[in-house]
Amino acid sequence: MDPVVVRSVVAAVGVVVSLLVVYQAYRGYLRNGSRAMRALAVGIALLGTVHFLLLLPGGTSPELDLGLSIVRQLVDIAGLAVVFYALTRA
């Protein structure tokens, strides 16, 4: 099986699972009005959904893969920072 297809299928499954987790965190925010839950939903969206979405266009060229890899790492750092905020400040 083509590695690009496998990578795309795994990324698509990751997006779906991540969206389910984000939805639950957002429901928690709506139920309680907690800023921490809202921040947690945003952090998980960055760490999961956005990260996996950035995997989808990969495999077309080495330059694009390098650029997307850097963007994914920056998104992961931002997501971790938001989760850290949710756990400590919100």
C-alpha atoms as a PDB file:
ATOM      1  CA  MET A   1       0.000   0.000   0.000  1.00  0.00           C
ATOM      2  CA  ASP A   2       1.188   3.505  -0.843  1.00  0.00           C
ATOM      3  CA  PRO A   3       2.745   5.257   2.206  1.00  0.00           C
ATOM      4  CA  VAL A   4       1.031   8.541   1.292  1.00  0.00           C
ATOM      5  CA  VAL A   5      -2.370   6.831   1.400  1.00  0.00           C
ATOM      6  CA  VAL A   6      -1.573   5.206   4.749  1.00  0.00           C
ATOM      7  CA  ARG A   7      -0.398   8.541   6.131  1.00  0.00           C
ATOM      8  CA  SER A   8      -3.576  10.224   4.901  1.00  0.00           C
ATOM      9  CA  VAL A   9      -5.852   7.581   6.406  1.00  0.00           C
ATOM     10  CA  VAL A  10      -4.066   7.783   9.762  1.00  0.00           C
ATOM     11  CA  ALA A  11      -4.279  11.589   9.684  1.00  0.00           C
ATOM     12  CA  ALA A  12      -7.999  11.474   8.851  1.00  0.00           C
ATOM     13  CA  VAL A  13      -8.673   9.096  11.749  1.00  0.00           C
ATOM     14  CA  GLY A  14      -6.631  11.381  14.014  1.00  0.00           C
ATOM     15  CA  VAL A  15      -8.724  14.367  12.964  1.00  0.00           C
ATOM     16  CA  VAL A  16     -11.973  12.545  13.737  1.00  0.00           C
ATOM     17  CA  VAL A  17     -10.812  11.335  17.161  1.00  0.00           C
ATOM     18  CA  SER A  18      -9.400  14.758  18.007  1.00  0.00           C
ATOM     19  CA  LEU A  19     -12.660  16.454  17.046  1.00  0.00           C
ATOM     20  CA  LEU A  20     -14.559  14.100  19.357  1.00  0.00           C
ATOM     21  CA  VAL A  21     -12.293  15.047  22.271  1.00  0.00           C
ATOM     22  CA  VAL A  22     -12.521  18.767  21.434  1.00  0.00           C
ATOM     23  CA  TYR A  23     -16.313  18.484  21.269  1.00  0.00           C
ATOM     24  CA  GLN A  24     -16.442  16.943  24.733  1.00  0.00           C
ATOM     25  CA  ALA A  25     -14.175  19.638  26.180  1.00  0.00           C
ATOM     26  CA  TYR A  26     -16.288  22.337  24.528  1.00  0.00           C
ATOM     27  CA  ARG A  27     -19.464  20.785  25.968  1.00  0.00           C
ATOM     28  CA  GLY A  28     -17.787  20.934  29.381  1.00  0.00           C
ATOM     29  CA  TYR A  29     -17.089  24.612  28.808  1.00  0.00           C
ATOM     30  CA  LEU A  30     -20.707  25.282  27.837  1.00  0.00           C
ATOM     31  CA  ARG A  31     -22.020  23.333  30.818  1.00  0.00           C
ATOM     32  CA  ASN A  32     -19.790  25.018  33.402  1.00  0.00           C
ATOM     33  CA  GLY A  33     -18.690  28.250  31.751  1.00  0.00           C
ATOM     34  CA  SER A  34     -15.130  27.329  32.727  1.00  0.00           C
ATOM     35  CA  ARG A  35     -12.357  29.251  30.990  1.00  0.00           C
ATOM     36  CA  ALA A  36     -10.075  26.309  31.707  1.00  0.00           C
ATOM     37  CA  MET A  37     -12.279  23.950  29.686  1.00  0.00           C
ATOM     38  CA  ARG A  38     -12.423  26.428  26.816  1.00  0.00           C
ATOM     39  CA  ALA A  39      -8.636  26.761  26.823  1.00  0.00           C
ATOM     40  CA  LEU A  40      -8.292  22.986  27.054  1.00  0.00           C
ATOM     41  CA  ALA A  41     -10.575  22.568  24.015  1.00  0.00           C
ATOM     42  CA  VAL A  42      -8.456  25.058  22.044  1.00  0.00           C
ATOM     43  CA  GLY A  43      -5.208  23.368  23.095  1.00  0.00           C
ATOM     44  CA  ILE A  44      -6.470  19.926  22.145  1.00  0.00           C
ATOM     45  CA  ALA A  45      -7.725  21.295  18.825  1.00  0.00           C
ATOM     46  CA  LEU A  46      -4.233  22.603  18.090  1.00  0.00           C
ATOM     47  CA  LEU A  47      -2.461  19.458  19.292  1.00  0.00           C
ATOM     48  CA  GLY A  48      -4.813  17.053  17.592  1.00  0.00           C
ATOM     49  CA  THR A  49      -7.011  18.412  14.856  1.00  0.00           C
ATOM     50  CA  VAL A  50      -4.694  21.035  13.370  1.00  0.00           C
ATOM     51  CA  HIS A  51      -1.636  18.804  13.724  1.00  0.00           C
ATOM     52  CA  PHE A  52      -3.317  15.931  11.873  1.00  0.00           C
ATOM     53  CA  LEU A  53      -4.762  18.250   9.229  1.00  0.00           C
ATOM     54  CA  LEU A  54      -1.224  19.428   8.512  1.00  0.00           C
ATOM     55  CA  LEU A  55      -0.233  15.796   7.873  1.00  0.00           C
ATOM     56  CA  LEU A  56      -2.667  15.445   4.983  1.00  0.00           C
ATOM     57  CA  PRO A  57      -0.802  17.431   2.284  1.00  0.00           C
ATOM     58  CA  GLY A  58       2.541  15.807   3.136  1.00  0.00           C
ATOM     59  CA  GLY A  59       4.492  13.527   0.865  1.00  0.00           C
ATOM     60  CA  THR A  60       4.370  15.669  -2.260  1.00  0.00           C
ATOM     61  CA  SER A  61       7.854  17.167  -2.029  1.00  0.00           C
ATOM     62  CA  PRO A  62      10.745  17.292   0.442  1.00  0.00           C
ATOM     63  CA  GLU A  63      10.529  21.088   0.690  1.00  0.00           C
ATOM     64  CA  LEU A  64       6.809  20.976   1.509  1.00  0.00           C
ATOM     65  CA  ASP A  65       7.393  18.190   4.049  1.00  0.00           C
ATOM     66  CA  LEU A  66      10.084  20.254   5.793  1.00  0.00           C
ATOM     67  CA  GLY A  67       7.899  23.362   5.867  1.00  0.00           C
ATOM     68  CA  LEU A  68       4.882  21.444   7.152  1.00  0.00           C
ATOM     69  CA  SER A  69       7.030  19.742   9.764  1.00  0.00           C
ATOM     70  CA  ILE A  70       8.158  23.108  11.110  1.00  0.00           C
ATOM     71  CA  VAL A  71       4.589  24.447  11.101  1.00  0.00           C
ATOM     72  CA  ARG A  72       3.333  21.301  12.891  1.00  0.00           C
ATOM     73  CA  GLN A  73       5.988  21.723  15.565  1.00  0.00           C
ATOM     74  CA  LEU A  74       5.034  25.374  16.062  1.00  0.00           C
ATOM     75  CA  VAL A  75       1.351  24.414  16.292  1.00  0.00           C
ATOM     76  CA  ASP A  76       2.234  21.714  18.837  1.00  0.00           C
ATOM     77  CA  ILE A  77       4.161  24.234  20.933  1.00  0.00           C
ATOM     78  CA  ALA A  78       1.218  26.650  20.825  1.00  0.00           C
ATOM     79  CA  GLY A  79      -1.187  23.838  21.737  1.00  0.00           C
ATOM     80  CA  LEU A  80       0.951  22.765  24.677  1.00  0.00           C
ATOM     81  CA  ALA A  81       1.190  26.371  25.856  1.00  0.00           C
ATOM     82  CA  VAL A  82      -2.612  26.708  25.782  1.00  0.00           C
ATOM     83  CA  VAL A  83      -3.063  23.405  27.638  1.00  0.00           C
ATOM     84  CA  PHE A  84      -0.487  24.572  30.198  1.00  0.00           C
ATOM     85  CA  TYR A  85      -2.473  27.799  30.608  1.00  0.00           C
ATOM     86  CA  ALA A  86      -5.679  25.782  31.039  1.00  0.00           C
ATOM     87  CA  LEU A  87      -4.116  23.686  33.783  1.00  0.00           C
ATOM     88  CA  THR A  88      -2.419  26.491  35.692  1.00  0.00           C
ATOM     89  CA  ARG A  89      -4.096  29.861  35.132  1.00  0.00           C
ATOM     90  CA  ALA A  90      -7.650  29.544  33.882  1.00  0.00           C
END
